[in-house]
N, C-alpha and C. Protein backbone atom coordinates (compact mmCIF):
# COMPACT_ATOMS: atom_id res chain seq x y z
N MET A 1 -58.21 23.61 -5.64
CA MET A 1 -56.70 24.14 -6.36
C MET A 1 -55.84 23.06 -4.89
N ILE A 2 -56.89 23.34 -4.09
CA ILE A 2 -55.63 22.66 -2.94
C ILE A 2 -55.55 20.82 -2.56
N VAL A 3 -57.03 20.93 -3.30
CA VAL A 3 -57.40 19.50 -3.28
C VAL A 3 -56.95 19.00 -4.26
N TRP A 4 -56.22 19.35 -5.84
CA TRP A 4 -56.29 18.66 -6.59
C TRP A 4 -54.61 18.87 -5.85
N LEU A 5 -53.94 19.45 -4.88
CA LEU A 5 -52.58 19.53 -5.14
C LEU A 5 -52.01 18.36 -4.30
N THR A 6 -53.22 18.38 -3.44
CA THR A 6 -53.12 17.00 -2.33
C THR A 6 -52.83 15.78 -2.13
N LEU A 7 -54.04 15.90 -3.95
CA LEU A 7 -53.99 14.66 -4.34
C LEU A 7 -53.27 13.93 -5.24
N LEU A 8 -52.62 14.98 -6.05
CA LEU A 8 -51.37 15.38 -6.49
C LEU A 8 -50.33 14.42 -5.84
N SER A 9 -50.29 15.06 -4.69
CA SER A 9 -49.04 14.65 -3.46
C SER A 9 -49.34 13.16 -3.10
N ALA A 10 -50.28 13.73 -2.66
CA ALA A 10 -51.24 11.51 -2.25
C ALA A 10 -50.53 10.56 -3.22
N LEU A 11 -50.61 10.51 -5.37
CA LEU A 11 -50.16 9.74 -5.23
C LEU A 11 -48.57 9.58 -5.94
N GLN A 12 -48.70 11.19 -6.09
CA GLN A 12 -47.07 10.53 -6.71
C GLN A 12 -46.29 10.47 -4.70
N VAL A 13 -46.66 10.12 -3.36
CA VAL A 13 -46.44 9.27 -2.87
C VAL A 13 -46.42 8.09 -3.82
N LEU A 14 -48.04 7.20 -3.45
CA LEU A 14 -48.08 5.96 -3.85
C LEU A 14 -46.98 5.54 -4.11
N ALA A 15 -46.48 6.14 -5.68
CA ALA A 15 -46.28 5.78 -7.16
C ALA A 15 -44.57 5.56 -6.54
N PHE A 16 -43.50 6.57 -4.88
CA PHE A 16 -42.74 6.81 -4.89
C PHE A 16 -42.57 4.95 -4.07
N VAL A 17 -43.63 4.36 -3.03
CA VAL A 17 -43.48 4.00 -2.76
C VAL A 17 -44.09 2.32 -3.54
N GLY A 18 -44.50 2.05 -4.74
CA GLY A 18 -44.68 1.16 -5.43
C GLY A 18 -43.15 0.98 -6.06
N ALA A 19 -42.49 2.15 -6.31
CA ALA A 19 -40.86 1.52 -6.80
C ALA A 19 -40.39 1.52 -6.04
N LEU A 20 -39.82 1.86 -4.87
CA LEU A 20 -39.53 1.17 -3.64
C LEU A 20 -40.06 -0.59 -3.63
N VAL A 21 -41.16 -0.38 -3.49
CA VAL A 21 -41.33 -2.59 -3.07
C VAL A 21 -41.07 -2.88 -4.53
N ALA A 22 -41.11 -2.55 -6.03
CA ALA A 22 -41.61 -3.66 -6.40
C ALA A 22 -39.26 -3.65 -6.35
N PHE A 23 -38.71 -2.31 -6.16
CA PHE A 23 -37.31 -2.29 -6.48
C PHE A 23 -36.14 -3.36 -4.55
N LEU A 24 -37.04 -3.49 -4.33
CA LEU A 24 -36.63 -3.86 -2.89
C LEU A 24 -36.85 -5.20 -3.38
N ARG A 25 -37.84 -5.33 -4.20
CA ARG A 25 -38.31 -7.71 -3.74
C ARG A 25 -37.21 -7.95 -5.15
N ARG A 26 -36.93 -6.63 -5.91
CA ARG A 26 -35.25 -7.50 -7.02
C ARG A 26 -34.31 -7.74 -6.53
N ILE A 27 -34.39 -6.00 -5.53
CA ILE A 27 -33.11 -7.08 -4.94
C ILE A 27 -32.76 -8.13 -4.16
N ALA A 28 -33.97 -8.16 -2.62
CA ALA A 28 -34.28 -9.16 -2.47
C ALA A 28 -34.01 -11.35 -3.21
N ALA A 29 -34.66 -9.82 -4.03
CA ALA A 29 -34.52 -11.39 -5.85
C ALA A 29 -33.68 -12.61 -6.10
N THR A 30 -32.53 -10.56 -6.36
CA THR A 30 -30.93 -11.58 -6.48
C THR A 30 -29.92 -11.35 -4.93
N LEU A 31 -30.18 -11.24 -4.15
CA LEU A 31 -29.59 -11.49 -3.10
C LEU A 31 -29.79 -13.32 -2.44
N GLU A 32 -30.75 -13.60 -2.66
CA GLU A 32 -31.42 -15.13 -2.83
C GLU A 32 -30.96 -16.16 -3.46
N ARG A 33 -30.54 -14.98 -5.00
CA ARG A 33 -30.60 -15.83 -6.05
C ARG A 33 -28.29 -15.90 -5.99
N ILE A 34 -28.12 -15.18 -4.43
CA ILE A 34 -26.97 -15.12 -5.05
C ILE A 34 -26.38 -16.19 -3.35
N GLY A 35 -26.60 -16.25 -2.88
CA GLY A 35 -26.74 -16.50 -1.68
C GLY A 35 -27.23 -17.42 -0.76
N GLY A 36 -28.96 -17.41 -0.77
CA GLY A 36 -29.26 -17.97 -0.30
C GLY A 36 -29.92 -19.23 -0.89
N LEU A 37 -29.54 -20.32 -1.68
CA LEU A 37 -30.28 -21.79 -2.01
C LEU A 37 -28.51 -22.05 -1.42
N PRO A 38 -28.59 -23.59 -0.82
CA PRO A 38 -27.76 -24.18 -1.13
C PRO A 38 -26.20 -24.41 -2.46
N THR A 39 -27.37 -24.43 -4.01
CA THR A 39 -26.30 -23.73 -5.34
C THR A 39 -26.33 -22.67 -5.37
N SER A 40 -26.09 -21.95 -4.59
CA SER A 40 -25.12 -20.42 -5.22
C SER A 40 -23.96 -19.92 -4.68
N TYR A 41 -23.78 -19.72 -5.10
CA TYR A 41 -22.27 -18.80 -5.86
C TYR A 41 -21.54 -19.08 -3.98
N LEU A 42 -22.85 -18.07 -3.53
CA LEU A 42 -22.04 -18.38 -1.56
C LEU A 42 -22.13 -19.42 -1.58
N ALA A 43 -23.22 -20.20 -1.47
CA ALA A 43 -22.77 -21.12 -0.56
C ALA A 43 -21.62 -22.64 -1.13
N LYS A 44 -21.29 -22.42 -2.14
CA LYS A 44 -20.57 -22.07 -2.96
C LYS A 44 -18.75 -22.65 -2.67
N ILE A 45 -18.84 -21.08 -2.26
CA ILE A 45 -17.67 -20.24 -1.43
C ILE A 45 -17.46 -20.73 -0.37
N SER A 46 -18.66 -20.36 0.21
CA SER A 46 -18.69 -21.32 1.16
C SER A 46 -17.81 -23.20 1.59
N PHE A 47 -18.64 -23.78 0.99
CA PHE A 47 -18.07 -25.01 1.02
C PHE A 47 -16.17 -25.16 0.83
N GLY A 48 -16.20 -23.78 -0.61
CA GLY A 48 -14.41 -24.15 -0.36
C GLY A 48 -14.06 -23.50 0.51
N VAL A 49 -13.78 -22.83 1.33
CA VAL A 49 -13.20 -21.93 1.95
C VAL A 49 -12.70 -23.17 3.12
N ARG A 50 -14.23 -24.31 4.02
CA ARG A 50 -14.85 -25.31 5.20
C ARG A 50 -12.71 -26.48 3.83
N ALA A 51 -13.75 -26.36 2.49
CA ALA A 51 -12.36 -27.28 2.37
C ALA A 51 -11.03 -27.01 2.37
N ILE A 52 -10.95 -26.11 1.96
CA ILE A 52 -9.15 -25.29 2.92
C ILE A 52 -8.72 -25.15 3.98
N GLU A 53 -9.49 -24.42 4.66
CA GLU A 53 -9.60 -24.66 5.58
C GLU A 53 -9.44 -25.88 7.04
N LYS A 54 -9.87 -27.40 6.67
CA LYS A 54 -9.67 -28.78 6.89
C LYS A 54 -8.73 -29.25 6.34
N GLU A 55 -8.66 -28.17 5.03
CA GLU A 55 -7.06 -29.23 4.54
C GLU A 55 -5.37 -28.72 4.71
N THR A 56 -5.63 -28.00 5.45
CA THR A 56 -4.94 -26.63 5.84
C THR A 56 -4.80 -26.81 7.66
N SER A 57 -5.52 -27.55 8.18
CA SER A 57 -5.30 -27.63 9.82
C SER A 57 -4.47 -27.70 9.59
N HIS A 58 -4.21 -28.94 9.39
CA HIS A 58 -2.47 -29.59 10.35
C HIS A 58 -1.13 -28.67 10.41
N LEU A 59 -0.93 -27.38 9.88
CA LEU A 59 0.48 -26.54 9.46
C LEU A 59 0.53 -25.39 9.86
N ALA A 60 -0.56 -24.68 11.23
CA ALA A 60 -0.17 -24.27 12.91
C ALA A 60 0.41 -24.79 13.42
N PRO A 61 0.81 -26.29 13.67
CA PRO A 61 2.15 -26.28 14.86
C PRO A 61 3.10 -26.38 13.56
N GLN A 62 3.11 -26.82 12.33
CA GLN A 62 4.04 -27.07 11.81
C GLN A 62 5.38 -25.36 11.81
N VAL A 63 4.09 -24.92 11.54
CA VAL A 63 4.51 -23.27 11.73
C VAL A 63 5.04 -23.18 13.23
N THR A 64 4.80 -23.15 13.54
CA THR A 64 5.27 -22.86 15.50
C THR A 64 6.23 -22.83 15.80
N HIS A 65 7.08 -24.89 15.27
CA HIS A 65 7.93 -25.34 15.07
C HIS A 65 9.26 -24.56 14.33
N LEU A 66 8.51 -24.02 13.33
CA LEU A 66 9.27 -23.43 11.51
C LEU A 66 9.68 -21.78 13.44
N ASN A 67 9.01 -20.98 13.67
CA ASN A 67 8.92 -19.73 14.00
C ASN A 67 10.69 -20.63 14.87
N SER A 68 10.35 -21.21 16.06
CA SER A 68 11.08 -21.73 16.49
C SER A 68 12.48 -21.87 16.13
N GLY A 69 12.49 -22.62 15.55
CA GLY A 69 14.08 -23.17 14.30
C GLY A 69 14.83 -21.62 14.85
N LEU A 70 13.67 -20.97 13.52
CA LEU A 70 14.42 -20.24 12.80
C LEU A 70 14.89 -18.83 14.08
N THR A 71 14.11 -18.39 15.39
CA THR A 71 14.55 -17.68 15.81
C THR A 71 15.62 -18.30 16.38
N THR A 72 15.88 -20.28 16.95
CA THR A 72 17.03 -19.67 16.88
C THR A 72 18.16 -20.01 16.69
N LEU A 73 17.77 -19.92 14.58
CA LEU A 73 18.79 -19.68 14.11
C LEU A 73 19.66 -17.98 14.16
N ARG A 74 18.31 -17.05 14.10
CA ARG A 74 18.55 -15.71 14.27
C ARG A 74 20.02 -15.22 15.27
N ASP A 75 19.69 -16.20 16.51
CA ASP A 75 20.32 -15.80 17.33
C ASP A 75 21.39 -16.43 17.42
N LYS A 76 22.04 -17.19 17.15
CA LYS A 76 22.96 -17.72 16.46
C LYS A 76 23.60 -17.57 15.33
N LEU A 77 22.94 -16.69 13.73
CA LEU A 77 22.98 -16.00 13.25
C LEU A 77 24.16 -14.50 13.72
N GLY A 78 23.64 -13.84 14.65
CA GLY A 78 23.74 -13.05 15.51
C GLY A 78 25.54 -12.97 16.04
N GLY A 79 25.64 -14.10 15.60
CA GLY A 79 26.86 -13.80 16.99
C GLY A 79 28.41 -14.29 15.40
N VAL A 80 27.47 -15.26 14.73
CA VAL A 80 28.02 -15.54 13.58
C VAL A 80 28.49 -13.65 13.31
N ASP A 81 27.40 -12.31 12.97
CA ASP A 81 27.40 -11.45 13.49
C ASP A 81 28.65 -10.56 13.59
N ALA A 82 28.19 -11.08 15.22
CA ALA A 82 29.11 -10.02 15.63
C ALA A 82 30.89 -10.75 15.52
N HIS A 83 31.17 -12.09 16.29
CA HIS A 83 33.01 -12.67 14.94
C HIS A 83 33.00 -11.10 14.04
N LEU A 84 31.60 -12.00 13.02
CA LEU A 84 33.13 -11.09 11.86
C LEU A 84 33.03 -9.71 11.56
N GLY A 85 31.95 -8.92 12.43
CA GLY A 85 32.08 -7.39 13.04
C GLY A 85 33.74 -7.54 14.06
N THR A 86 34.14 -8.48 14.55
CA THR A 86 35.85 -8.29 15.10
C THR A 86 36.75 -8.52 14.28
N VAL A 87 36.32 -9.74 13.42
CA VAL A 87 37.39 -10.02 11.98
C VAL A 87 37.10 -8.16 11.14
N ALA A 88 36.70 -7.66 10.52
CA ALA A 88 36.67 -7.25 10.00
C ALA A 88 37.40 -5.70 10.08
N HIS A 89 37.34 -5.83 11.99
CA HIS A 89 37.59 -4.00 12.30
C HIS A 89 38.97 -5.20 12.57
N THR A 90 38.77 -6.48 12.97
CA THR A 90 41.15 -6.30 12.97
C THR A 90 41.94 -5.89 11.97
N LEU A 91 41.14 -6.56 11.04
CA LEU A 91 41.78 -6.45 9.53
C LEU A 91 41.81 -5.27 8.89
N GLY A 92 40.38 -4.40 9.40
CA GLY A 92 40.85 -3.12 9.09
C GLY A 92 42.17 -2.62 9.24
N GLN A 93 42.40 -2.70 10.72
CA GLN A 93 42.97 -1.87 11.52
C GLN A 93 44.88 -2.68 11.33
N GLY A 94 44.80 -3.30 10.79
CA GLY A 94 46.33 -4.14 10.12
C GLY A 94 46.66 -3.98 9.07
């Protein structure tokens, strides 16, 4: 009886390992199709991202310049706000 149970357990382990290998091969084939070939979707996406990076590389210096201009504008508008506050306070008392 123990021999049959041991044999049955060994067959179940072999069946499990066989199924595991089969599914891992299918997963590997799917992953290869997705990203392993130069014509795969992943390769096309990577090519597109590199193209976008190249086309937008000139924006970084312009954004830095724009940020400095906006900082100056913020400071000047703070002064305008202070003057308008004074005017509102004066008009409210009068």
